[in-house]
PDB file of N, CA and C in Angstrom:
ATOM      1  N   MET A   1       9.660 -12.570  15.724  1.00  0.00           N
ATOM      2  CA  MET A   1       8.623 -12.776  14.744  1.00  0.00           C
ATOM      3  C   MET A   1       7.537 -13.646  15.369  1.00  0.00           C
ATOM      4  N   THR A   2       6.312 -13.359  14.988  1.00  0.00           N
ATOM      5  CA  THR A   2       5.199 -14.186  15.436  1.00  0.00           C
ATOM      6  C   THR A   2       4.786 -15.098  14.280  1.00  0.00           C
ATOM      7  N   CYS A   3       4.472 -16.330  14.641  1.00  0.00           N
ATOM      8  CA  CYS A   3       4.181 -17.345  13.628  1.00  0.00           C
ATOM      9  C   CYS A   3       2.941 -18.140  13.997  1.00  0.00           C
ATOM     10  N   TYR A   4       2.277 -18.627  12.958  1.00  0.00           N
ATOM     11  CA  TYR A   4       1.268 -19.652  13.148  1.00  0.00           C
ATOM     12  C   TYR A   4       2.012 -20.982  13.129  1.00  0.00           C
ATOM     13  N   PRO A   5       1.676 -21.916  14.017  1.00  0.00           N
ATOM     14  CA  PRO A   5       2.338 -23.229  13.969  1.00  0.00           C
ATOM     15  C   PRO A   5       2.123 -23.928  12.623  1.00  0.00           C
ATOM     16  N   GLU A   6       0.954 -23.639  12.012  1.00  0.00           N
ATOM     17  CA  GLU A   6       0.652 -24.201  10.689  1.00  0.00           C
ATOM     18  C   GLU A   6      -0.354 -23.285  10.011  1.00  0.00           C
ATOM     19  N   ALA A   7      -0.102 -22.976   8.742  1.00  0.00           N
ATOM     20  CA  ALA A   7      -1.036 -22.177   7.942  1.00  0.00           C
ATOM     21  C   ALA A   7      -0.775 -22.459   6.474  1.00  0.00           C
ATOM     22  N   GLU A   8      -1.830 -22.467   5.716  1.00  0.00           N
ATOM     23  CA  GLU A   8      -1.710 -22.697   4.268  1.00  0.00           C
ATOM     24  C   GLU A   8      -0.929 -23.981   3.964  1.00  0.00           C
ATOM     25  N   GLY A   9      -1.027 -24.973   4.861  1.00  0.00           N
ATOM     26  CA  GLY A   9      -0.337 -26.247   4.654  1.00  0.00           C
ATOM     27  C   GLY A   9       1.150 -26.207   4.956  1.00  0.00           C
ATOM     28  N   GLN A  10       1.639 -25.124   5.532  1.00  0.00           N
ATOM     29  CA  GLN A  10       3.071 -24.978   5.831  1.00  0.00           C
ATOM     30  C   GLN A  10       3.268 -24.809   7.346  1.00  0.00           C
ATOM     31  N   PRO A  11       4.411 -25.260   7.871  1.00  0.00           N
ATOM     32  CA  PRO A  11       4.683 -25.089   9.300  1.00  0.00           C
ATOM     33  C   PRO A  11       5.351 -23.740   9.583  1.00  0.00           C
ATOM     34  N   ASP A  12       5.138 -23.216  10.788  1.00  0.00           N
ATOM     35  CA  ASP A  12       5.854 -22.029  11.277  1.00  0.00           C
ATOM     36  C   ASP A  12       5.795 -20.867  10.288  1.00  0.00           C
ATOM     37  N   VAL A  13       4.581 -20.393  10.032  1.00  0.00           N
ATOM     38  CA  VAL A  13       4.353 -19.338   9.047  1.00  0.00           C
ATOM     39  C   VAL A  13       4.353 -17.971   9.752  1.00  0.00           C
ATOM     40  N   VAL A  14       5.284 -17.113   9.353  1.00  0.00           N
ATOM     41  CA  VAL A  14       5.420 -15.779   9.942  1.00  0.00           C
ATOM     42  C   VAL A  14       4.235 -14.910   9.520  1.00  0.00           C
ATOM     43  N   PHE A  15       3.627 -14.228  10.494  1.00  0.00           N
ATOM     44  CA  PHE A  15       2.568 -13.277  10.172  1.00  0.00           C
ATOM     45  C   PHE A  15       2.809 -11.912  10.805  1.00  0.00           C
ATOM     46  N   GLY A  16       3.835 -11.788  11.616  1.00  0.00           N
ATOM     47  CA  GLY A  16       4.142 -10.501  12.228  1.00  0.00           C
ATOM     48  C   GLY A  16       5.625 -10.382  12.531  1.00  0.00           C
ATOM     49  N   VAL A  17       6.119  -9.159  12.404  1.00  0.00           N
ATOM     50  CA  VAL A  17       7.534  -8.894  12.683  1.00  0.00           C
ATOM     51  C   VAL A  17       7.618  -7.704  13.631  1.00  0.00           C
ATOM     52  N   TYR A  18       8.332  -7.877  14.727  1.00  0.00           N
ATOM     53  CA  TYR A  18       8.633  -6.777  15.634  1.00  0.00           C
ATOM     54  C   TYR A  18      10.015  -6.277  15.274  1.00  0.00           C
ATOM     55  N   TRP A  19      10.156  -4.964  15.143  1.00  0.00           N
ATOM     56  CA  TRP A  19      11.421  -4.438  14.648  1.00  0.00           C
ATOM     57  C   TRP A  19      11.856  -3.216  15.439  1.00  0.00           C
ATOM     58  N   VAL A  20      13.161  -2.946  15.361  1.00  0.00           N
ATOM     59  CA  VAL A  20      13.772  -1.748  15.925  1.00  0.00           C
ATOM     60  C   VAL A  20      14.803  -1.279  14.918  1.00  0.00           C
ATOM     61  N   CYS A  21      14.810   0.001  14.630  1.00  0.00           N
ATOM     62  CA  CYS A  21      15.825   0.575  13.743  1.00  0.00           C
ATOM     63  C   CYS A  21      16.803   1.346  14.615  1.00  0.00           C
ATOM     64  N   SER A  22      18.061   0.958  14.581  1.00  0.00           N
ATOM     65  CA  SER A  22      19.105   1.612  15.376  1.00  0.00           C
ATOM     66  C   SER A  22      20.042   2.362  14.452  1.00  0.00           C
ATOM     67  N   GLY A  23      20.633   3.417  14.989  1.00  0.00           N
ATOM     68  CA  GLY A  23      21.610   4.180  14.215  1.00  0.00           C
ATOM     69  C   GLY A  23      22.778   4.581  15.093  1.00  0.00           C
ATOM     70  N   VAL A  24      23.948   4.632  14.499  1.00  0.00           N
ATOM     71  CA  VAL A  24      25.164   5.023  15.205  1.00  0.00           C
ATOM     72  C   VAL A  24      25.949   5.967  14.311  1.00  0.00           C
ATOM     73  N   GLN A  25      26.439   7.048  14.900  1.00  0.00           N
ATOM     74  CA  GLN A  25      27.327   7.972  14.201  1.00  0.00           C
ATOM     75  C   GLN A  25      28.378   8.408  15.210  1.00  0.00           C
ATOM     76  N   ASP A  26      29.626   8.080  14.941  1.00  0.00           N
ATOM     77  CA  ASP A  26      30.723   8.334  15.867  1.00  0.00           C
ATOM     78  C   ASP A  26      30.376   7.707  17.220  1.00  0.00           C
ATOM     79  N   THR A  27      30.288   8.514  18.270  1.00  0.00           N
ATOM     80  CA  THR A  27      29.965   7.967  19.596  1.00  0.00           C
ATOM     81  C   THR A  27      28.495   8.151  19.939  1.00  0.00           C
ATOM     82  N   TYR A  28      27.700   8.617  19.007  1.00  0.00           N
ATOM     83  CA  TYR A  28      26.282   8.862  19.246  1.00  0.00           C
ATOM     84  C   TYR A  28      25.461   7.699  18.678  1.00  0.00           C
ATOM     85  N   SER A  29      24.425   7.327  19.418  1.00  0.00           N
ATOM     86  CA  SER A  29      23.567   6.254  18.923  1.00  0.00           C
ATOM     87  C   SER A  29      22.145   6.478  19.408  1.00  0.00           C
ATOM     88  N   THR A  30      21.216   5.890  18.688  1.00  0.00           N
ATOM     89  CA  THR A  30      19.804   5.960  19.072  1.00  0.00           C
ATOM     90  C   THR A  30      19.075   4.831  18.379  1.00  0.00           C
ATOM     91  N   GLN A  31      17.801   4.687  18.701  1.00  0.00           N
ATOM     92  CA  GLN A  31      16.979   3.699  18.009  1.00  0.00           C
ATOM     93  C   GLN A  31      15.536   4.173  17.961  1.00  0.00           C
ATOM     94  N   VAL A  32      14.839   3.695  16.950  1.00  0.00           N
ATOM     95  CA  VAL A  32      13.428   4.011  16.774  1.00  0.00           C
ATOM     96  C   VAL A  32      12.682   2.690  16.734  1.00  0.00           C
ATOM     97  N   ALA A  33      11.619   2.613  17.499  1.00  0.00           N
ATOM     98  CA  ALA A  33      10.860   1.369  17.534  1.00  0.00           C
ATOM     99  C   ALA A  33       9.377   1.580  17.274  1.00  0.00           C
ATOM    100  N   ALA A  34       8.999   2.732  16.784  1.00  0.00           N
ATOM    101  CA  ALA A  34       7.573   2.965  16.590  1.00  0.00           C
ATOM    102  C   ALA A  34       7.290   3.254  15.127  1.00  0.00           C
ATOM    103  N   PRO A  35       6.395   2.591  14.457  1.00  0.00           N
ATOM    104  CA  PRO A  35       5.666   1.457  14.991  1.00  0.00           C
ATOM    105  C   PRO A  35       6.586   0.249  15.104  1.00  0.00           C
ATOM    106  N   SER A  36       6.436  -0.502  16.148  1.00  0.00           N
ATOM    107  CA  SER A  36       7.375  -1.591  16.383  1.00  0.00           C
ATOM    108  C   SER A  36       6.912  -2.937  15.846  1.00  0.00           C
ATOM    109  N   ALA A  37       5.756  -2.969  15.237  1.00  0.00           N
ATOM    110  CA  ALA A  37       5.251  -4.234  14.710  1.00  0.00           C
ATOM    111  C   ALA A  37       4.745  -4.032  13.291  1.00  0.00           C
ATOM    112  N   CYS A  38       4.868  -5.081  12.514  1.00  0.00           N
ATOM    113  CA  CYS A  38       4.418  -5.037  11.124  1.00  0.00           C
ATOM    114  C   CYS A  38       3.731  -6.359  10.801  1.00  0.00           C
ATOM    115  N   ASP A  39       2.524  -6.273  10.284  1.00  0.00           N
ATOM    116  CA  ASP A  39       1.812  -7.478   9.859  1.00  0.00           C
ATOM    117  C   ASP A  39       2.327  -7.922   8.503  1.00  0.00           C
ATOM    118  N   ILE A  40       2.485  -9.218   8.355  1.00  0.00           N
ATOM    119  CA  ILE A  40       2.970  -9.807   7.108  1.00  0.00           C
ATOM    120  C   ILE A  40       1.856 -10.690   6.545  1.00  0.00           C
ATOM    121  N   PRO A  41       1.491 -10.492   5.276  1.00  0.00           N
ATOM    122  CA  PRO A  41       0.449 -11.353   4.708  1.00  0.00           C
ATOM    123  C   PRO A  41       0.927 -12.803   4.605  1.00  0.00           C
ATOM    124  N   LEU A  42      -0.024 -13.712   4.660  1.00  0.00           N
ATOM    125  CA  LEU A  42       0.340 -15.126   4.521  1.00  0.00           C
ATOM    126  C   LEU A  42       0.924 -15.364   3.133  1.00  0.00           C
ATOM    127  N   PRO A  43       1.883 -16.276   3.046  1.00  0.00           N
ATOM    128  CA  PRO A  43       2.525 -16.525   1.749  1.00  0.00           C
ATOM    129  C   PRO A  43       1.533 -17.109   0.747  1.00  0.00           C
ATOM    130  N   THR A  44       1.802 -16.815  -0.497  1.00  0.00           N
ATOM    131  CA  THR A  44       0.964 -17.382  -1.561  1.00  0.00           C
ATOM    132  C   THR A  44       1.765 -18.462  -2.279  1.00  0.00           C
ATOM    133  N   ALA A  45       2.563 -18.099  -3.228  1.00  0.00           N
ATOM    134  CA  ALA A  45       3.271 -19.100  -4.025  1.00  0.00           C
ATOM    135  C   ALA A  45       4.685 -19.385  -3.512  1.00  0.00           C
ATOM    136  N   SER A  46       5.322 -18.425  -2.882  1.00  0.00           N
ATOM    137  CA  SER A  46       6.742 -18.593  -2.559  1.00  0.00           C
ATOM    138  C   SER A  46       6.972 -18.663  -1.049  1.00  0.00           C
ATOM    139  N   PHE A  47       6.667 -19.803  -0.452  1.00  0.00           N
ATOM    140  CA  PHE A  47       6.874 -19.986   0.977  1.00  0.00           C
ATOM    141  C   PHE A  47       8.344 -20.253   1.243  1.00  0.00           C
ATOM    142  N   ILE A  48       8.884 -19.567   2.251  1.00  0.00           N
ATOM    143  CA  ILE A  48      10.270 -19.793   2.676  1.00  0.00           C
ATOM    144  C   ILE A  48      10.203 -20.407   4.074  1.00  0.00           C
ATOM    145  N   PRO A  49      10.756 -21.601   4.257  1.00  0.00           N
ATOM    146  CA  PRO A  49      10.735 -22.216   5.590  1.00  0.00           C
ATOM    147  C   PRO A  49      11.379 -21.294   6.629  1.00  0.00           C
ATOM    148  N   TYR A  50      10.829 -21.320   7.831  1.00  0.00           N
ATOM    149  CA  TYR A  50      11.296 -20.436   8.901  1.00  0.00           C
ATOM    150  C   TYR A  50      12.809 -20.518   9.069  1.00  0.00           C
ATOM    151  N   ALA A  51      13.347 -21.721   9.090  1.00  0.00           N
ATOM    152  CA  ALA A  51      14.784 -21.910   9.313  1.00  0.00           C
ATOM    153  C   ALA A  51      15.634 -21.307   8.198  1.00  0.00           C
ATOM    154  N   ASP A  52      15.032 -21.067   7.037  1.00  0.00           N
ATOM    155  CA  ASP A  52      15.779 -20.533   5.893  1.00  0.00           C
ATOM    156  C   ASP A  52      15.632 -19.025   5.724  1.00  0.00           C
ATOM    157  N   LEU A  53      14.842 -18.364   6.582  1.00  0.00           N
ATOM    158  CA  LEU A  53      14.660 -16.921   6.458  1.00  0.00           C
ATOM    159  C   LEU A  53      15.963 -16.190   6.768  1.00  0.00           C
ATOM    160  N   THR A  54      16.186 -15.099   6.044  1.00  0.00           N
ATOM    161  CA  THR A  54      17.347 -14.251   6.309  1.00  0.00           C
ATOM    162  C   THR A  54      16.858 -12.895   6.820  1.00  0.00           C
ATOM    163  N   GLN A  55      17.739 -12.170   7.450  1.00  0.00           N
ATOM    164  CA  GLN A  55      17.385 -10.833   7.926  1.00  0.00           C
ATOM    165  C   GLN A  55      16.965  -9.958   6.751  1.00  0.00           C
ATOM    166  N   ALA A  56      17.675 -10.058   5.637  1.00  0.00           N
ATOM    167  CA  ALA A  56      17.353  -9.248   4.460  1.00  0.00           C
ATOM    168  C   ALA A  56      15.938  -9.545   3.960  1.00  0.00           C
ATOM    169  N   GLN A  57      15.548 -10.829   3.936  1.00  0.00           N
ATOM    170  CA  GLN A  57      14.200 -11.194   3.470  1.00  0.00           C
ATOM    171  C   GLN A  57      13.137 -10.616   4.392  1.00  0.00           C
ATOM    172  N   VAL A  58      13.350 -10.743   5.688  1.00  0.00           N
ATOM    173  CA  VAL A  58      12.357 -10.253   6.645  1.00  0.00           C
ATOM    174  C   VAL A  58      12.264  -8.727   6.573  1.00  0.00           C
ATOM    175  N   LEU A  59      13.388  -8.038   6.446  1.00  0.00           N
ATOM    176  CA  LEU A  59      13.352  -6.576   6.291  1.00  0.00           C
ATOM    177  C   LEU A  59      12.626  -6.175   5.015  1.00  0.00           C
ATOM    178  N   ASP A  60      12.819  -6.920   3.945  1.00  0.00           N
ATOM    179  CA  ASP A  60      12.076  -6.644   2.707  1.00  0.00           C
ATOM    180  C   ASP A  60      10.578  -6.737   2.963  1.00  0.00           C
ATOM    181  N   TRP A  61      10.144  -7.720   3.753  1.00  0.00           N
ATOM    182  CA  TRP A  61       8.726  -7.845   4.095  1.00  0.00           C
ATOM    183  C   TRP A  61       8.253  -6.619   4.864  1.00  0.00           C
ATOM    184  N   VAL A  62       9.062  -6.185   5.836  1.00  0.00           N
ATOM    185  CA  VAL A  62       8.683  -5.025   6.652  1.00  0.00           C
ATOM    186  C   VAL A  62       8.523  -3.799   5.768  1.00  0.00           C
ATOM    187  N   TRP A  63       9.521  -3.536   4.907  1.00  0.00           N
ATOM    188  CA  TRP A  63       9.476  -2.348   4.045  1.00  0.00           C
ATOM    189  C   TRP A  63       8.332  -2.443   3.045  1.00  0.00           C
ATOM    190  N   ALA A  64       7.964  -3.637   2.638  1.00  0.00           N
ATOM    191  CA  ALA A  64       6.894  -3.816   1.643  1.00  0.00           C
ATOM    192  C   ALA A  64       5.495  -3.793   2.268  1.00  0.00           C
ATOM    193  N   ASN A  65       5.424  -3.788   3.604  1.00  0.00           N
ATOM    194  CA  ASN A  65       4.118  -3.908   4.250  1.00  0.00           C
ATOM    195  C   ASN A  65       3.828  -2.779   5.224  1.00  0.00           C
ATOM    196  N   GLY A  66       4.048  -1.555   4.755  1.00  0.00           N
ATOM    197  CA  GLY A  66       3.576  -0.405   5.503  1.00  0.00           C
ATOM    198  C   GLY A  66       4.596   0.361   6.319  1.00  0.00           C
ATOM    199  N   VAL A  67       5.838  -0.091   6.380  1.00  0.00           N
ATOM    200  CA  VAL A  67       6.856   0.647   7.122  1.00  0.00           C
ATOM    201  C   VAL A  67       7.720   1.385   6.105  1.00  0.00           C
ATOM    202  N   ASP A  68       7.784   2.702   6.231  1.00  0.00           N
ATOM    203  CA  ASP A  68       8.535   3.544   5.304  1.00  0.00           C
ATOM    204  C   ASP A  68       9.999   3.592   5.738  1.00  0.00           C
ATOM    205  N   GLN A  69      10.827   2.822   5.060  1.00  0.00           N
ATOM    206  CA  GLN A  69      12.240   2.706   5.415  1.00  0.00           C
ATOM    207  C   GLN A  69      12.930   4.063   5.440  1.00  0.00           C
ATOM    208  N   ALA A  70      12.735   4.868   4.420  1.00  0.00           N
ATOM    209  CA  ALA A  70      13.405   6.174   4.344  1.00  0.00           C
ATOM    210  C   ALA A  70      12.982   7.066   5.507  1.00  0.00           C
ATOM    211  N   ALA A  71      11.699   7.073   5.842  1.00  0.00           N
ATOM    212  CA  ALA A  71      11.209   7.911   6.939  1.00  0.00           C
ATOM    213  C   ALA A  71      11.771   7.449   8.276  1.00  0.00           C
ATOM    214  N   VAL A  72      11.828   6.151   8.496  1.00  0.00           N
ATOM    215  CA  VAL A  72      12.369   5.620   9.753  1.00  0.00           C
ATOM    216  C   VAL A  72      13.843   5.974   9.874  1.00  0.00           C
ATOM    217  N   GLU A  73      14.599   5.798   8.796  1.00  0.00           N
ATOM    218  CA  GLU A  73      16.028   6.106   8.837  1.00  0.00           C
ATOM    219  C   GLU A  73      16.272   7.604   9.016  1.00  0.00           C
ATOM    220  N   LEU A  74      15.426   8.446   8.425  1.00  0.00           N
ATOM    221  CA  LEU A  74      15.541   9.891   8.644  1.00  0.00           C
ATOM    222  C   LEU A  74      15.252  10.252  10.099  1.00  0.00           C
ATOM    223  N   GLN A  75      14.284   9.573  10.692  1.00  0.00           N
ATOM    224  CA  GLN A  75      13.959   9.821  12.095  1.00  0.00           C
ATOM    225  C   GLN A  75      15.140   9.451  13.000  1.00  0.00           C
ATOM    226  N   VAL A  76      15.769   8.336  12.728  1.00  0.00           N
ATOM    227  CA  VAL A  76      16.944   7.932  13.503  1.00  0.00           C
ATOM    228  C   VAL A  76      18.055   8.968  13.339  1.00  0.00           C
ATOM    229  N   GLN A  77      18.311   9.401  12.113  1.00  0.00           N
ATOM    230  CA  GLN A  77      19.362  10.396  11.874  1.00  0.00           C
ATOM    231  C   GLN A  77      19.038  11.710  12.574  1.00  0.00           C
ATOM    232  N   ALA A  78      17.774  12.126  12.562  1.00  0.00           N
ATOM    233  CA  ALA A  78      17.380  13.364  13.233  1.00  0.00           C
ATOM    234  C   ALA A  78      17.641  13.276  14.737  1.00  0.00           C
ATOM    235  N   LEU A  79      17.366  12.121  15.334  1.00  0.00           N
ATOM    236  CA  LEU A  79      17.626  11.947  16.763  1.00  0.00           C
ATOM    237  C   LEU A  79      19.121  11.995  17.070  1.00  0.00           C
ATOM    238  N   ILE A  80      19.920  11.424  16.199  1.00  0.00           N
ATOM    239  CA  ILE A  80      21.375  11.501  16.373  1.00  0.00           C
ATOM    240  C   ILE A  80      21.846  12.938  16.210  1.00  0.00           C
ATOM    241  N   ASP A  81      21.309  13.651  15.221  1.00  0.00           N
ATOM    242  CA  ASP A  81      21.695  15.051  15.000  1.00  0.00           C
ATOM    243  C   ASP A  81      21.408  15.906  16.226  1.00  0.00           C
ATOM    244  N   VAL A  82      20.291  15.637  16.914  1.00  0.00           N
ATOM    245  CA  VAL A  82      19.954  16.388  18.128  1.00  0.00           C
ATOM    246  C   VAL A  82      20.959  16.083  19.240  1.00  0.00           C
ATOM    247  N   GLN A  83      21.451  14.864  19.292  1.00  0.00           N
ATOM    248  CA  GLN A  83      22.478  14.529  20.279  1.00  0.00           C
ATOM    249  C   GLN A  83      23.778  15.276  19.977  1.00  0.00           C
ATOM    250  N   ILE A  84      24.124  15.350  18.704  1.00  0.00           N
ATOM    251  CA  ILE A  84      25.366  16.012  18.303  1.00  0.00           C
ATOM    252  C   ILE A  84      25.266  17.517  18.500  1.00  0.00           C
ATOM    253  N   ASN A  85      24.154  18.109  18.108  1.00  0.00           N
ATOM    254  CA  ASN A  85      23.925  19.558  18.233  1.00  0.00           C
ATOM    255  C   ASN A  85      22.630  19.806  18.990  1.00  0.00           C
ATOM    256  N   PRO A  86      22.655  19.664  20.316  1.00  0.00           N
ATOM    257  CA  PRO A  86      21.411  19.822  21.076  1.00  0.00           C
ATOM    258  C   PRO A  86      20.861  21.242  20.969  1.00  0.00           C
ATOM    259  N   PRO A  87      19.537  21.379  20.791  1.00  0.00           N
ATOM    260  CA  PRO A  87      18.937  22.705  20.677  1.00  0.00           C
ATOM    261  C   PRO A  87      18.870  23.428  22.028  1.00  0.00           C
ATOM    262  N   VAL A  88      18.962  22.682  23.113  1.00  0.00           N
ATOM    263  CA  VAL A  88      18.931  23.252  24.457  1.00  0.00           C
ATOM    264  C   VAL A  88      20.013  22.566  25.269  1.00  0.00           C
ATOM    265  N   VAL A  89      20.750  23.342  26.038  1.00  0.00           N
ATOM    266  CA  VAL A  89      21.779  22.779  26.909  1.00  0.00           C
ATOM    267  C   VAL A  89      21.600  23.313  28.325  1.00  0.00           C
ATOM    268  N   ILE A  90      22.090  22.581  29.288  1.00  0.00           N
ATOM    269  CA  ILE A  90      22.086  23.025  30.672  1.00  0.00           C
ATOM    270  C   ILE A  90      23.541  23.282  31.031  1.00  0.00           C
ATOM    271  N   LEU A  91      23.858  24.524  31.321  1.00  0.00           N
ATOM    272  CA  LEU A  91      25.224  24.917  31.665  1.00  0.00           C
ATOM    273  C   LEU A  91      25.370  24.996  33.179  1.00  0.00           C
ATOM    274  N   PRO A  92      26.584  24.805  33.659  1.00  0.00           N
ATOM    275  CA  PRO A  92      26.800  24.971  35.100  1.00  0.00           C
ATOM    276  C   PRO A  92      26.642  26.444  35.470  1.00  0.00           C
ATOM    277  N   LEU A  93      26.269  26.684  36.701  1.00  0.00           N
ATOM    278  CA  LEU A  93      26.134  28.057  37.169  1.00  0.00           C
ATOM    279  C   LEU A  93      27.497  28.751  37.122  1.00  0.00           C
ATOM    280  N   PRO A  94      27.560  29.983  36.606  1.00  0.00           N
ATOM    281  CA  PRO A  94      28.851  30.628  36.444  1.00  0.00           C
ATOM    282  C   PRO A  94      29.562  30.898  37.768  1.00  0.00           C
ATOM    283  N   TRP A  95      28.840  30.959  38.856  1.00  0.00           N
ATOM    284  CA  TRP A  95      29.474  31.245  40.140  1.00  0.00           C
ATOM    285  C   TRP A  95      29.806  29.972  40.929  1.00  0.00           C
ATOM    286  N   ALA A  96      29.404  28.794  40.387  1.00  0.00           N
ATOM    287  CA  ALA A  96      29.718  27.541  41.071  1.00  0.00           C
ATOM    288  C   ALA A  96      31.119  27.085  40.675  1.00  0.00           C
ATOM    289  N   ALA A  97      31.847  26.602  41.661  1.00  0.00           N
ATOM    290  CA  ALA A  97      33.215  26.154  41.381  1.00  0.00           C
ATOM    291  C   ALA A  97      33.217  24.788  40.773  1.00  0.00           C
TER     292      ALA A  97
END
């Protein structure tokens, strides 16, 4: 997370979050990182000190500020599905031992 050392009279104010969405299914895994950054508006009434932030709170900010959670998760699942059922495969030559 990127922070201002001081803003709106508060210390360590988050204004940006870099994120990666990862997915795992059985032995297949992938991750999506684009867009990998999300701007967060400065707090108004409900400032949460940096040390008290939780992953759930920060993810709520990301989803509320322009990142479509459902679309990102569908993209991760689609990439895993391609690993499980690849549309193109490279087979060994039939005459090679």
